Protein backbone atom coordinates (compact mmCIF):
# COMPACT_ATOMS: atom_id res chain seq x y z
CA MET A 1 20.30 -10.06 -24.68
CA SER A 2 16.64 -10.17 -23.74
CA LEU A 3 14.29 -7.29 -23.08
CA CYS A 4 11.90 -7.08 -20.19
CA GLN A 5 8.27 -7.00 -21.33
CA VAL A 6 7.30 -4.71 -18.45
CA CYS A 7 9.87 -1.88 -18.45
CA HIS A 8 11.62 -2.62 -21.81
CA LEU A 9 15.11 -2.69 -20.28
CA ASP A 10 17.87 -5.21 -20.91
CA SER A 11 18.00 -8.17 -18.53
CA LYS A 12 21.50 -7.11 -17.45
CA LYS A 13 20.14 -3.82 -16.06
CA HIS A 14 17.79 -5.67 -13.70
CA SER A 15 18.64 -7.29 -10.42
CA LYS A 16 17.86 -11.01 -10.37
CA LYS A 17 14.89 -10.46 -8.04
CA LEU A 18 13.40 -7.68 -10.18
CA TRP A 19 13.85 -9.73 -13.36
CA THR A 20 12.00 -12.73 -11.91
CA LEU A 21 9.34 -10.41 -10.46
CA HIS A 22 8.71 -8.84 -13.88
CA GLN A 23 8.64 -12.22 -15.66
CA GLN A 24 6.18 -13.83 -13.26
CA THR A 25 2.54 -12.99 -12.86
CA GLN A 26 2.49 -12.68 -9.09
CA THR A 27 -0.23 -10.78 -7.28
CA CYS A 28 0.58 -8.63 -4.26
CA THR A 29 -1.41 -9.84 -1.26
CA PHE A 30 -1.58 -6.29 0.14
CA CYS A 31 -2.89 -4.26 -2.82
CA GLN A 32 -3.98 -7.03 -5.25
CA LYS A 33 -1.88 -5.56 -8.09
CA SER A 34 0.48 -7.57 -10.26
CA GLY A 35 4.17 -7.84 -9.49
CA SER A 36 5.03 -5.91 -12.65
CA GLU A 37 3.39 -2.77 -11.19
CA HIS A 38 5.75 -2.83 -8.19
CA SER A 39 9.34 -1.83 -7.77
CA GLU A 40 11.50 -4.25 -5.82
CA LYS A 41 11.42 -1.97 -2.75
CA LEU A 42 7.62 -1.52 -2.87
CA TRP A 43 7.13 -5.29 -3.21
CA GLN A 44 9.24 -5.87 -0.08
CA MET A 45 7.41 -3.11 1.85
CA HIS A 46 3.98 -4.55 1.02
CA LYS A 47 5.18 -8.07 1.84
CA LEU A 48 6.50 -6.91 5.23
CA VAL A 49 3.22 -5.13 6.07
CA VAL A 50 1.23 -8.30 5.35
CA GLU A 51 3.62 -10.48 7.38
CA LYS A 52 3.39 -8.14 10.38
CA GLY A 53 -0.38 -7.74 10.07
CA GLN A 54 -0.95 -11.48 9.75
CA HIS A 55 0.48 -12.14 13.20
CA CYS A 56 -2.07 -11.96 16.03
CA SER A 57 -0.43 -10.94 19.31
CA GLU A 58 -3.48 -12.09 21.26
CA HIS A 59 -3.28 -15.69 19.99
CA LYS A 60 0.50 -15.57 19.40
CA ARG A 61 0.32 -17.07 15.92
CA ASP A 62 -0.16 -16.17 12.27
CA GLU A 63 -3.82 -16.03 11.25
CA LYS A 64 -5.39 -16.68 7.86
CA LEU A 65 -5.79 -13.78 5.43
CA TYR A 66 -9.02 -12.81 3.72
CA PRO A 67 -9.67 -10.21 0.97
CA ILE A 68 -11.89 -7.37 2.16
CA THR A 69 -13.40 -4.15 0.81
CA ILE A 70 -14.61 -1.59 3.33
CA GLY A 71 -17.23 0.80 1.99
CA SER A 72 -16.33 2.24 -1.40
CA GLY A 73 -12.58 1.96 -0.75
CA ARG A 74 -10.32 -0.29 -2.72
CA ALA A 75 -9.83 -3.95 -1.94
CA GLY A 76 -7.47 -4.78 0.87
CA VAL A 77 -6.58 -7.67 3.10
CA ALA A 78 -7.67 -8.63 6.62
CA ARG A 79 -6.68 -11.31 9.09
CA VAL A 80 -9.32 -13.66 10.45
CA CYS A 81 -9.20 -14.00 14.25
CA LYS A 82 -11.29 -16.72 15.86
CA LEU A 83 -13.13 -15.71 19.00
CA ASN A 84 -14.58 -17.74 21.83
CA ALA A 85 -18.20 -17.30 20.73
CA ASP A 86 -20.96 -19.18 18.96
CA PRO A 87 -21.04 -19.20 15.13
CA PRO A 88 -21.47 -16.95 13.12
CA TYR A 89 -20.00 -14.53 15.68
CA ASP A 90 -16.85 -16.56 16.27
CA LYS A 91 -14.74 -14.85 13.59
CA GLU A 92 -13.50 -11.28 13.45
CA LEU A 93 -11.98 -9.63 10.37
CA ILE A 94 -9.20 -7.20 11.30
CA PRO A 95 -8.07 -5.05 8.33
CA ILE A 96 -4.34 -4.72 7.70
CA TYR A 97 -3.18 -1.19 6.98
CA MET A 98 0.20 0.34 6.21
CA SER A 99 1.30 3.01 8.69
CA CYS A 100 3.61 6.01 8.30
CA THR A 101 7.18 5.41 9.43
CA GLU A 102 7.30 8.82 11.15
CA CYS A 103 3.90 9.58 12.73
CA ASN A 104 2.40 6.03 12.72
CA LEU A 105 -0.89 7.18 11.16
CA TYR A 106 -2.37 4.92 8.50
CA LEU A 107 -1.56 5.68 4.86
CA GLY A 108 -4.06 6.37 2.11
CA SER A 109 -4.16 4.45 -1.16
CA THR A 110 -1.97 6.98 -3.02
CA GLU A 111 0.62 6.89 -0.25
CA GLU A 112 0.58 3.07 -0.28
CA ASP A 113 1.15 3.03 -4.05
CA PHE A 114 4.15 5.37 -3.79
CA ALA A 115 5.52 4.10 -0.47
CA ASP A 116 8.85 3.23 -2.04
CA ILE A 117 9.34 6.81 -3.26
CA LEU A 118 7.98 8.40 -0.06
CA ASP A 119 10.08 6.03 2.11
CA GLY A 120 6.95 4.72 3.85
CA MET A 121 5.91 8.20 5.04
CA CYS A 122 2.59 9.97 4.66
CA LEU A 123 2.53 13.04 2.40
CA LYS A 124 2.56 15.43 5.37
CA CYS A 125 5.66 13.86 6.96
CA PHE A 126 7.37 13.61 3.57
CA ARG A 127 6.81 17.30 2.90
CA GLU A 128 8.18 18.15 6.34
CA SER A 129 11.25 15.98 5.77
CA ILE A 130 12.14 17.80 2.54
CA ASP A 131 11.22 21.24 3.96
CA GLN A 132 8.22 21.92 1.72
CA THR A 133 6.04 23.32 4.48
CA ASP A 134 5.41 26.81 3.10
CA ILE A 135 2.02 27.91 1.78
CA TRP A 136 3.06 28.07 -1.88
CA TYR A 137 3.59 24.28 -1.95
CA ASP A 138 -0.08 23.72 -1.11
CA MET A 139 -2.60 23.08 -3.85
CA PRO A 140 -4.36 26.21 -5.10
CA PRO A 141 -7.87 26.80 -3.72
CA ILE A 142 -10.81 25.69 -5.84
CA LYS A 143 -12.20 28.50 -7.94
CA LYS A 144 -15.66 29.62 -6.96
CA VAL A 145 -18.34 28.84 -9.50
CA SER A 146 -21.25 31.25 -9.75
CA LYS A 147 -24.20 31.48 -12.12
CA LYS A 148 -22.21 33.86 -14.34
CA GLY A 149 -19.22 31.51 -14.63
CA VAL A 150 -15.88 30.94 -12.98
CA ASN A 151 -14.52 33.81 -10.87
């Protein structure tokens, strides 16, 4: 009997893939987090997104990946497409994003982190799928702050 250092469960309660994932120090190419922070389903979803995003339909081949941070967002991954131009304008970085399985809009960082729980959907589509579309499920409005205090 051996305990997992990540989730403190017995090795018999893990699948073989999850056990090896928790014992190794792998880094996810999509979100740059360790393998221990992923469920087995989330690891597969992120891996599939990178594999699909790495393929360039224009050149009909898999391109190289490059880490990228756009603005103040978190680090992501982009594919490097070579163009028919003079250097340094001969390379284009195309960011790889995860899209919603229902509406095909791109997911935010929170939705990417919980994609296994949300089934790859954005929060809006997930709420619609479980019928939480009424007003009382929305977040309460921010309280107005005046000079006298909170109203």
